Amino acid sequence: MIVAKFGGTSVGDAEAIARTAGIVRARLGRAPVVVTSALAGTTNRLIEIGQQAAAGQLIVALSIIEELRARHFATIDDLGVADDIELVTDTGVLFDELAHLAEALSVLGDVTPRSLDAVSSMGERLSAPIVAAALARIGVPAVFVDARRVMATSDDFGRAEPRPDEIAMACRAHLLPLVRAGKVPVLGGFIGATAQGVTTTLGRGGSDYSASLFGAAMDAEAIEIWTDVDGMLTADPRVVPGARLIEHIRFDEAAELASFGAKVLHPSTIAPAVRKGIPVFVFNSRRPEGSGTRITFDAPRRPVRAIAGKTRIAVVKVRSPRMLAAPGTMRAIFEVFERNRTSVDVVATSEVSVSVTVDDVQHLEAIVAQLSAFGDVSVERGRGIVALVGAGLGESTVSMARALAALGDLRLHMLSLSATGINLTLIVDGDAVHDAMRRLHAAFFEGGSA
């Protein structure tokens, strides 16, 4: 049994869904479970609906709903499944529900994380039945399953935490019997529900995470992520035109790349697969014949496997002589970030200072105010991260020297080698990130092999 997840571009329109259906049919011998994202761009529009309605712009919100309604029904028509009365009726009911939600938000004048989850979950609730119908039309014994019956989560709306034990029980109850009967379950990713049945979401990119959690729960032989690129590359091809396909990569390397800006995988995707040792494959749904990328424990170790980068980073610095030999200070500083639900990417410390980077600045003002209790706090915005990732990096001083030499005259604000030695992180000016990535890629991959 395999779990095959199809991203938004793989179900972006009728043509894309038809390609996806063909890919699934070709895998019937491997007992696929299908996880699908919303139609490309839908989630952003749904969030806009919630925001516009809460801001008193109900007419704008309703017009977006009608735009989405027309798009989804056009997709149903183009796929040739408009004669599926249940699909057409249920799709109409979901859009009516969405309109009612918008009206309620307009009256309340506020959008909470819980209500935004109710709105943003609609994309997958709409797409999964359409994909199931398209599969059935070409002879695949597909069965739509509401993911909220399987993806058990906490009530941390917007970033709900999955409950693996409960997910495993639900998979055994709702998915495995279908698979054993020769059926193909089709579920929406990204969405789940609390123990009370309230709809939640796993956060942006959560469809990958859903697929990995389902695969781990059912001990799948493989998890396939179908997207619009050939696999994981040595760098972002939009930044580095010469980026190359990585055919085989280690779990820890892939997780680091996802965390530091590689867009192919959601950062959390790898964790459930790692725990079970399930290989993850990344394929291009537009070129299903491609070899893709295989992610396992046993890929060969290399000093540099790939380069990732991201912009719009803030560096937060705390300085105080009082920190010298003061037990518990570091813990207290990081508790500030935890209280404000803000993740830290890179850390550099000395006896009297701590510097960290964050890419989520939503709560930065509160963080700075609370950190002021420890000393002088400064914030440097407009920074960027460039990360060299490779399982053998920490063992290769030559590679680290080459990286610094490649940067040349670019200003370096921070440098950090991870505790595992797998990631060398460089903090540069935000507008220098792309230049730095190109220089590093030339230094490590020009004339070599990824």
Protein backbone atom coordinates (compact mmCIF):
# COMPACT_ATOMS: atom_id res chain seq x y z
CA MET A 1 0.00 0.00 0.00
CA ILE A 2 1.22 3.48 -0.87
CA VAL A 3 0.02 6.98 -0.05
CA ALA A 4 0.04 9.38 -3.01
CA LYS A 5 -0.40 13.07 -2.29
CA PHE A 6 -1.24 15.50 -5.09
CA GLY A 7 -0.57 19.20 -4.57
CA GLY A 8 -2.63 22.13 -5.76
CA THR A 9 -0.98 22.36 -9.18
CA SER A 10 -1.61 18.62 -9.69
CA VAL A 11 -5.35 19.28 -9.24
CA GLY A 12 -5.38 22.84 -10.54
CA ASP A 13 -7.94 22.29 -13.30
CA ALA A 14 -9.69 19.51 -15.21
CA GLU A 15 -6.62 18.76 -17.33
CA ALA A 16 -4.40 18.43 -14.25
CA ILE A 17 -6.95 16.27 -12.44
CA ALA A 18 -7.20 14.00 -15.50
CA ARG A 19 -3.40 13.55 -15.41
CA THR A 20 -3.61 12.78 -11.70
CA ALA A 21 -6.32 10.20 -12.35
CA GLY A 22 -4.07 8.50 -14.89
CA ILE A 23 -1.19 8.39 -12.42
CA VAL A 24 -3.40 6.80 -9.77
CA ARG A 25 -4.79 4.23 -12.22
CA ALA A 26 -1.24 3.22 -13.15
CA ARG A 27 -0.62 2.50 -9.44
CA LEU A 28 -3.68 0.38 -8.73
CA GLY A 29 -1.47 -2.68 -8.24
CA ARG A 30 0.18 -0.97 -5.26
CA ALA A 31 -3.12 -0.23 -3.43
CA PRO A 32 -2.95 3.60 -3.39
CA VAL A 33 -4.51 5.93 -0.85
CA VAL A 34 -4.92 9.38 -2.42
CA VAL A 35 -4.49 12.65 -0.52
CA THR A 36 -5.31 15.85 -2.39
CA SER A 37 -4.81 19.56 -1.86
CA ALA A 38 -7.32 22.23 -2.79
CA LEU A 39 -7.43 23.39 -6.41
CA ALA A 40 -4.43 25.67 -7.02
CA GLY A 41 -4.87 29.10 -5.46
CA THR A 42 -8.13 28.24 -3.70
CA THR A 43 -6.86 28.42 -0.11
CA ASN A 44 -5.57 31.96 -0.58
CA ARG A 45 -8.95 33.03 -1.93
CA LEU A 46 -10.76 31.36 0.97
CA ILE A 47 -8.62 33.22 3.49
CA GLU A 48 -9.43 36.41 1.62
CA ILE A 49 -13.12 35.61 1.93
CA GLY A 50 -12.82 35.35 5.71
CA GLN A 51 -10.82 38.55 6.00
CA GLN A 52 -13.07 40.57 3.69
CA ALA A 53 -16.25 39.37 5.40
CA ALA A 54 -14.92 40.20 8.87
CA ALA A 55 -13.86 43.64 7.61
CA GLY A 56 -17.44 44.40 6.59
CA GLN A 57 -16.85 43.78 2.88
CA LEU A 58 -19.51 41.09 2.54
CA ILE A 59 -20.23 41.86 -1.13
CA VAL A 60 -16.56 41.37 -1.97
CA ALA A 61 -16.48 38.10 -0.01
CA LEU A 62 -19.61 36.80 -1.74
CA SER A 63 -18.24 37.72 -5.16
CA ILE A 64 -15.11 35.64 -4.46
CA ILE A 65 -17.36 32.75 -3.38
CA GLU A 66 -19.24 32.97 -6.68
CA GLU A 67 -15.95 33.04 -8.57
CA LEU A 68 -14.84 29.86 -6.79
CA ARG A 69 -18.25 28.27 -7.28
CA ALA A 70 -18.05 28.87 -11.02
CA ARG A 71 -14.51 27.51 -11.19
CA HIS A 72 -15.33 24.30 -9.34
CA PHE A 73 -18.49 23.62 -11.34
CA ALA A 74 -16.61 24.33 -14.58
CA THR A 75 -14.02 21.77 -13.49
CA ILE A 76 -16.80 19.24 -12.81
CA ASP A 77 -18.23 19.89 -16.28
CA ASP A 78 -14.84 19.65 -18.00
CA LEU A 79 -14.11 16.34 -16.30
CA GLY A 80 -17.36 14.90 -17.57
CA VAL A 81 -18.74 14.12 -14.11
CA ALA A 82 -21.63 16.60 -14.04
CA ASP A 83 -24.03 13.65 -14.19
CA ASP A 84 -22.88 12.66 -10.68
CA ILE A 85 -25.91 14.09 -8.87
CA GLU A 86 -24.45 13.52 -5.39
CA LEU A 87 -21.23 15.35 -6.31
CA VAL A 88 -23.07 18.32 -7.84
CA THR A 89 -25.49 18.57 -4.92
CA ASP A 90 -22.80 18.28 -2.25
CA THR A 91 -20.62 20.86 -4.01
CA GLY A 92 -23.52 23.32 -4.06
CA VAL A 93 -24.22 22.68 -0.38
CA LEU A 94 -20.60 23.41 0.54
CA PHE A 95 -20.67 26.74 -1.29
CA ASP A 96 -23.95 27.63 0.43
CA GLU A 97 -22.29 26.79 3.76
CA LEU A 98 -19.35 28.99 2.82
CA ALA A 99 -21.68 31.89 2.03
CA HIS A 100 -23.39 31.49 5.40
CA LEU A 101 -20.00 31.52 7.13
CA ALA A 102 -19.12 34.76 5.34
CA GLU A 103 -22.40 36.33 6.41
CA ALA A 104 -21.80 35.30 10.02
CA LEU A 105 -18.29 36.77 9.99
CA SER A 106 -19.66 39.98 8.55
CA VAL A 107 -22.12 40.28 11.44
CA LEU A 108 -19.45 39.48 14.05
CA GLY A 109 -16.91 41.82 12.50
CA ASP A 110 -14.06 39.52 13.52
CA VAL A 111 -12.35 36.39 12.22
CA THR A 112 -10.94 34.01 14.82
CA PRO A 113 -8.51 31.15 14.13
CA ARG A 114 -11.39 28.72 14.60
CA SER A 115 -13.65 30.47 12.10
CA LEU A 116 -10.79 30.90 9.63
CA ASP A 117 -10.18 27.14 9.80
CA ALA A 118 -13.84 26.56 8.97
CA VAL A 119 -13.47 28.76 5.89
CA SER A 120 -10.00 27.70 4.68
CA SER A 121 -10.81 23.98 5.03
CA MET A 122 -13.39 24.30 2.25
CA GLY A 123 -10.76 23.94 -0.49
CA GLU A 124 -9.94 20.32 0.36
CA ARG A 125 -13.54 19.52 1.25
CA LEU A 126 -14.43 20.58 -2.31
CA SER A 127 -11.51 19.10 -4.23
CA ALA A 128 -11.38 15.57 -2.79
CA PRO A 129 -14.90 14.54 -3.95
CA ILE A 130 -14.16 15.95 -7.42
CA VAL A 131 -10.93 13.95 -7.67
CA ALA A 132 -12.75 10.83 -6.47
CA ALA A 133 -15.41 11.30 -9.16
CA ALA A 134 -12.76 11.81 -11.85
CA LEU A 135 -11.07 8.57 -10.77
CA ALA A 136 -14.34 6.66 -10.82
CA ARG A 137 -15.06 7.93 -14.34
CA ILE A 138 -11.96 6.15 -15.70
CA GLY A 139 -12.70 2.92 -13.88
CA VAL A 140 -10.74 3.43 -10.64
CA PRO A 141 -12.78 2.16 -7.64
CA ALA A 142 -12.38 5.44 -5.74
CA VAL A 143 -14.24 6.28 -2.53
CA PHE A 144 -14.29 9.76 -1.02
CA VAL A 145 -13.52 9.79 2.72
CA ASP A 146 -13.95 12.94 4.78
CA ALA A 147 -10.46 13.52 6.20
CA ARG A 148 -11.97 14.95 9.39
CA ARG A 149 -13.02 11.41 10.31
CA VAL A 150 -9.38 10.30 10.21
CA MET A 151 -7.12 13.28 10.99
CA ALA A 152 -7.56 13.69 14.76
CA THR A 153 -6.00 16.90 16.06
CA SER A 154 -5.76 19.29 18.97
CA ASP A 155 -7.84 22.46 19.06
CA ASP A 156 -4.90 24.74 18.22
CA PHE A 157 -6.77 26.28 15.31
CA GLY A 158 -4.62 27.34 12.39
CA ARG A 159 -1.77 25.07 13.44
CA ALA A 160 -3.50 22.05 14.91
CA GLU A 161 -1.30 19.29 16.32
CA PRO A 162 -2.07 15.80 14.98
CA ARG A 163 -2.74 13.00 17.45
CA PRO A 164 -0.89 9.99 15.93
CA ASP A 165 -2.43 7.26 18.11
CA GLU A 166 -5.96 8.41 17.34
CA ILE A 167 -5.09 8.82 13.65
CA ALA A 168 -3.81 5.24 13.56
CA MET A 169 -7.04 3.97 15.10
CA ALA A 170 -9.13 5.98 12.63
CA CYS A 171 -7.07 4.73 9.68
CA ARG A 172 -7.65 1.13 10.78
CA ALA A 173 -11.37 1.83 11.05
CA HIS A 174 -12.01 3.93 7.94
CA LEU A 175 -9.19 3.44 5.41
CA LEU A 176 -7.63 -0.01 5.72
CA PRO A 177 -10.96 -1.87 5.20
CA LEU A 178 -11.44 0.04 1.94
CA VAL A 179 -7.90 -0.74 0.79
CA ARG A 180 -8.34 -4.44 1.61
CA ALA A 181 -11.56 -4.43 -0.39
CA GLY A 182 -9.69 -3.13 -3.44
CA LYS A 183 -10.99 0.43 -3.15
CA VAL A 184 -9.00 3.65 -3.46
CA PRO A 185 -9.75 6.07 -0.59
CA VAL A 186 -9.50 9.76 -1.55
CA LEU A 187 -9.07 12.32 1.25
CA GLY A 188 -8.35 16.00 1.49
CA GLY A 189 -5.05 16.91 3.10
CA PHE A 190 -4.48 19.88 5.42
CA ILE A 191 -7.71 19.43 7.36
CA GLY A 192 -8.69 17.55 10.50
CA ALA A 193 -11.02 17.75 13.46
CA THR A 194 -10.94 17.92 17.24
CA ALA A 195 -12.38 15.22 19.49
CA GLN A 196 -15.58 17.31 19.50
CA GLY A 197 -15.73 17.26 15.69
CA VAL A 198 -14.72 20.90 15.16
CA THR A 199 -12.86 21.46 11.90
CA THR A 200 -9.14 22.30 12.14
CA THR A 201 -6.23 22.81 9.76
CA LEU A 202 -2.58 21.80 10.06
CA GLY A 203 -1.24 25.09 8.72
CA ARG A 204 -0.07 26.02 5.25
CA GLY A 205 1.56 23.14 3.40
CA GLY A 206 -0.20 20.69 5.70
CA SER A 207 -1.35 18.36 2.92
CA ASP A 208 2.15 16.89 2.74
CA TYR A 209 2.01 16.38 6.49
CA SER A 210 -1.37 14.66 6.20
CA ALA A 211 -0.02 12.21 3.65
CA SER A 212 2.98 11.38 5.82
CA LEU A 213 0.84 10.88 8.91
CA PHE A 214 -1.58 8.60 7.08
CA GLY A 215 1.32 6.64 5.58
CA ALA A 216 2.96 6.20 8.96
CA ALA A 217 -0.33 5.19 10.58
CA MET A 218 -0.88 2.44 7.99
CA ASP A 219 2.77 1.32 7.61
CA ALA A 220 2.73 2.21 3.92
CA GLU A 221 5.54 0.90 1.73
CA ALA A 222 6.09 4.40 0.32
CA ILE A 223 4.76 7.95 0.42
CA GLU A 224 4.66 9.80 -2.90
CA ILE A 225 4.48 13.58 -3.12
CA TRP A 226 3.30 14.69 -6.56
CA THR A 227 4.04 18.31 -7.40
CA ASP A 228 4.98 20.52 -10.37
CA VAL A 229 8.78 20.05 -10.27
CA ASP A 230 10.89 17.01 -11.12
CA GLY A 231 11.91 16.44 -7.50
CA MET A 232 14.22 18.03 -4.98
CA LEU A 233 16.95 20.09 -6.64
CA THR A 234 20.37 21.34 -5.63
CA ALA A 235 18.86 24.86 -5.43
CA ASP A 236 15.73 26.77 -6.35
CA PRO A 237 15.77 26.78 -10.19
CA ARG A 238 14.11 30.18 -10.23
CA VAL A 239 17.21 31.53 -8.50
CA VAL A 240 19.87 29.18 -9.86
CA PRO A 241 19.11 28.21 -13.48
CA GLY A 242 21.70 25.41 -13.36
CA ALA A 243 20.08 23.63 -10.39
CA ARG A 244 20.15 19.85 -10.75
CA LEU A 245 17.88 17.02 -9.75
CA ILE A 246 18.85 15.15 -6.58
CA GLU A 247 17.93 11.54 -7.27
CA HIS A 248 18.66 10.21 -3.77
CA ILE A 249 18.81 12.18 -0.52
CA ARG A 250 18.87 11.36 3.18
CA PHE A 251 15.89 12.02 5.45
CA ASP A 252 17.82 14.47 7.63
CA GLU A 253 19.08 16.42 4.61
CA ALA A 254 15.59 16.69 3.10
CA ALA A 255 14.14 17.88 6.41
CA GLU A 256 16.82 20.57 6.75
CA LEU A 257 16.24 21.79 3.19
CA ALA A 258 12.49 21.97 3.77
CA SER A 259 13.01 23.98 6.96
CA PHE A 260 15.36 26.45 5.29
CA GLY A 261 13.30 27.43 2.29
CA ALA A 262 13.06 24.51 -0.14
CA LYS A 263 9.44 24.69 -1.31
CA VAL A 264 9.02 21.13 -2.57
CA LEU A 265 8.18 19.65 0.84
CA HIS A 266 6.48 20.95 3.94
CA PRO A 267 9.05 20.95 6.79
CA SER A 268 6.97 18.59 8.95
CA THR A 269 6.45 16.04 6.18
CA ILE A 270 9.50 13.97 6.85
CA ALA A 271 9.08 13.35 10.59
CA PRO A 272 6.36 10.64 10.58
CA ALA A 273 8.06 8.85 7.69
CA VAL A 274 11.43 8.96 9.49
CA ARG A 275 9.98 7.36 12.59
CA LYS A 276 8.69 4.44 10.53
CA GLY A 277 11.54 4.32 8.00
CA ILE A 278 9.10 4.78 5.10
CA PRO A 279 10.75 6.08 1.90
CA VAL A 280 9.35 9.31 0.50
CA PHE A 281 9.36 10.02 -3.23
CA VAL A 282 8.89 13.40 -4.93
CA PHE A 283 7.55 13.28 -8.50
CA ASN A 284 6.36 15.73 -11.16
CA SER A 285 2.72 15.12 -12.08
CA ARG A 286 3.33 16.85 -15.42
CA ARG A 287 6.14 14.39 -16.19
CA PRO A 288 5.17 11.17 -14.39
CA GLU A 289 7.78 9.22 -16.34
CA GLY A 290 10.60 11.08 -14.53
CA SER A 291 12.78 9.41 -11.91
CA GLY A 292 12.00 11.99 -9.21
CA THR A 293 13.75 12.15 -5.86
CA ARG A 294 13.98 9.25 -3.39
CA ILE A 295 14.32 10.14 0.31
CA THR A 296 15.63 7.39 2.59
CA PHE A 297 18.01 6.75 5.48
CA ASP A 298 20.79 5.28 3.37
CA ALA A 299 21.67 7.87 0.70
CA PRO A 300 25.46 8.33 0.31
CA ARG A 301 26.96 11.01 2.57
CA ARG A 302 28.20 14.13 0.79
CA PRO A 303 29.66 17.37 2.18
CA VAL A 304 27.10 19.52 0.32
CA ARG A 305 23.89 18.05 -1.07
CA ALA A 306 22.01 21.25 -1.83
CA ILE A 307 21.65 24.96 -1.09
CA ALA A 308 18.52 26.67 0.19
CA GLY A 309 17.70 30.26 0.98
CA LYS A 310 14.93 32.47 2.25
CA THR A 311 14.42 36.19 2.64
CA ARG A 312 12.38 38.43 4.97
CA ILE A 313 14.22 37.22 8.05
CA ALA A 314 14.54 39.23 11.26
CA VAL A 315 17.53 38.92 13.59
CA VAL A 316 16.74 39.49 17.27
CA LYS A 317 19.69 40.28 19.54
CA VAL A 318 19.70 40.36 23.34
CA ARG A 319 22.75 41.78 25.13
CA SER A 320 23.33 42.11 28.87
CA PRO A 321 26.31 41.73 31.23
CA ARG A 322 23.79 40.22 33.67
CA MET A 323 23.67 37.09 31.49
CA LEU A 324 27.26 36.22 32.41
CA ALA A 325 27.25 33.00 34.47
CA ALA A 326 23.53 33.39 35.18
CA PRO A 327 21.91 29.92 35.16
CA GLY A 328 18.54 29.64 33.44
CA THR A 329 18.82 32.80 31.36
CA MET A 330 18.93 30.97 28.05
CA ARG A 331 15.90 28.88 28.96
CA ALA A 332 13.95 31.98 29.98
CA ILE A 333 14.79 33.74 26.72
CA PHE A 334 13.54 30.87 24.60
CA GLU A 335 10.40 30.58 26.71
CA VAL A 336 9.52 34.07 25.46
CA PHE A 337 9.49 32.78 21.88
CA GLU A 338 7.52 29.71 22.95
CA ARG A 339 4.85 31.80 24.69
CA ASN A 340 4.46 33.83 21.52
CA ARG A 341 4.30 30.74 19.29
CA THR A 342 7.28 31.87 17.23
CA SER A 343 9.86 29.41 15.96
CA VAL A 344 13.55 30.23 15.97
CA ASP A 345 15.71 29.16 13.02
CA VAL A 346 19.31 30.07 13.80
CA VAL A 347 20.99 30.73 17.15
CA ALA A 348 24.38 32.28 17.98
CA THR A 349 25.47 32.92 21.55
CA SER A 350 28.27 34.41 23.62
CA GLU A 351 28.64 34.86 27.38
CA VAL A 352 26.66 38.12 27.35
CA SER A 353 24.52 37.97 24.18
CA VAL A 354 22.12 35.83 22.22
CA SER A 355 21.21 36.31 18.55
CA VAL A 356 18.37 34.42 16.90
CA THR A 357 16.57 34.56 13.57
CA VAL A 358 12.82 34.35 13.01
CA ASP A 359 10.79 34.40 9.82
CA ASP A 360 7.42 34.87 11.49
CA VAL A 361 7.33 38.46 12.77
CA GLN A 362 3.64 38.48 13.69
CA HIS A 363 4.40 38.61 17.43
CA LEU A 364 7.74 40.36 17.23
CA GLU A 365 6.63 43.48 19.09
CA ALA A 366 5.46 41.42 22.08
CA ILE A 367 8.63 39.34 21.98
CA VAL A 368 10.86 42.41 22.08
CA ALA A 369 8.90 43.86 24.99
CA GLN A 370 9.24 40.66 27.00
CA LEU A 371 12.92 40.17 26.15
CA SER A 372 13.68 43.66 27.43
CA ALA A 373 13.57 42.21 30.94
CA PHE A 374 16.89 40.47 30.18
CA GLY A 375 18.82 43.39 28.68
CA ASP A 376 19.14 45.53 25.57
CA VAL A 377 17.17 44.18 22.63
CA SER A 378 17.66 45.09 18.98
CA VAL A 379 15.98 43.87 15.83
CA GLU A 380 17.54 43.76 12.37
CA ARG A 381 14.95 43.31 9.66
CA GLY A 382 15.54 42.63 6.00
CA ARG A 383 18.01 39.82 6.52
CA GLY A 384 18.16 36.49 4.70
CA ILE A 385 19.29 32.93 5.32
CA VAL A 386 21.42 30.82 3.02
CA ALA A 387 21.92 27.23 4.12
CA LEU A 388 24.36 24.62 2.83
CA VAL A 389 23.05 21.15 3.62
CA GLY A 390 24.97 17.91 3.51
CA ALA A 391 25.36 14.94 5.85
CA GLY A 392 29.15 15.10 5.54
CA LEU A 393 29.48 18.86 5.91
CA GLY A 394 30.62 18.86 9.53
CA GLU A 395 33.48 16.51 8.65
CA SER A 396 34.77 18.72 5.83
CA THR A 397 36.60 21.88 6.86
CA VAL A 398 37.57 22.29 3.21
CA SER A 399 33.89 22.63 2.26
CA MET A 400 33.26 25.25 4.93
CA ALA A 401 36.32 27.23 3.82
CA ARG A 402 35.16 27.01 0.21
CA ALA A 403 31.73 28.34 1.21
CA LEU A 404 33.17 31.40 2.93
CA ALA A 405 35.54 32.04 0.04
CA ALA A 406 32.66 31.82 -2.44
CA LEU A 407 30.75 34.59 -0.68
CA GLY A 408 33.62 36.96 -1.41
CA ASP A 409 32.64 40.54 -0.64
CA LEU A 410 29.08 39.75 0.51
CA ARG A 411 28.48 40.90 4.08
CA LEU A 412 28.01 38.07 6.58
CA HIS A 413 26.01 38.87 9.74
CA MET A 414 25.91 35.46 11.43
CA LEU A 415 27.24 31.98 10.86
CA SER A 416 26.14 28.75 12.51
CA LEU A 417 27.04 25.07 12.08
CA SER A 418 24.27 22.82 13.36
CA ALA A 419 24.97 20.44 16.23
CA THR A 420 24.66 17.50 13.84
CA GLY A 421 27.10 19.11 11.40
CA ILE A 422 24.59 18.76 8.58
CA ASN A 423 23.79 22.42 8.02
CA LEU A 424 25.99 25.50 7.68
CA THR A 425 23.76 28.56 7.96
CA LEU A 426 24.82 31.98 6.74
CA ILE A 427 22.90 35.18 7.54
CA VAL A 428 23.31 37.83 4.85
CA ASP A 429 21.44 40.92 3.72
CA GLY A 430 18.04 39.95 2.33
CA ASP A 431 18.78 41.37 -1.10
CA ALA A 432 22.02 39.33 -1.28
CA VAL A 433 20.42 35.91 -0.75
CA HIS A 434 20.02 35.05 -4.42
CA ASP A 435 23.51 36.22 -5.29
CA ALA A 436 24.92 34.17 -2.43
CA MET A 437 23.02 31.06 -3.57
CA ARG A 438 24.36 31.41 -7.11
CA ARG A 439 27.94 31.87 -5.90
CA LEU A 440 27.73 28.85 -3.60
CA HIS A 441 26.10 26.67 -6.23
CA ALA A 442 28.85 27.53 -8.69
CA ALA A 443 31.48 26.68 -6.09
CA PHE A 444 30.06 23.28 -5.18
CA PHE A 445 28.18 21.97 -8.20
CA GLU A 446 29.72 23.43 -11.34
CA GLY A 447 31.38 20.56 -13.09
CA GLY A 448 30.40 18.16 -10.29
CA SER A 449 27.52 15.90 -9.46
CA ALA A 450 24.58 16.54 -7.15
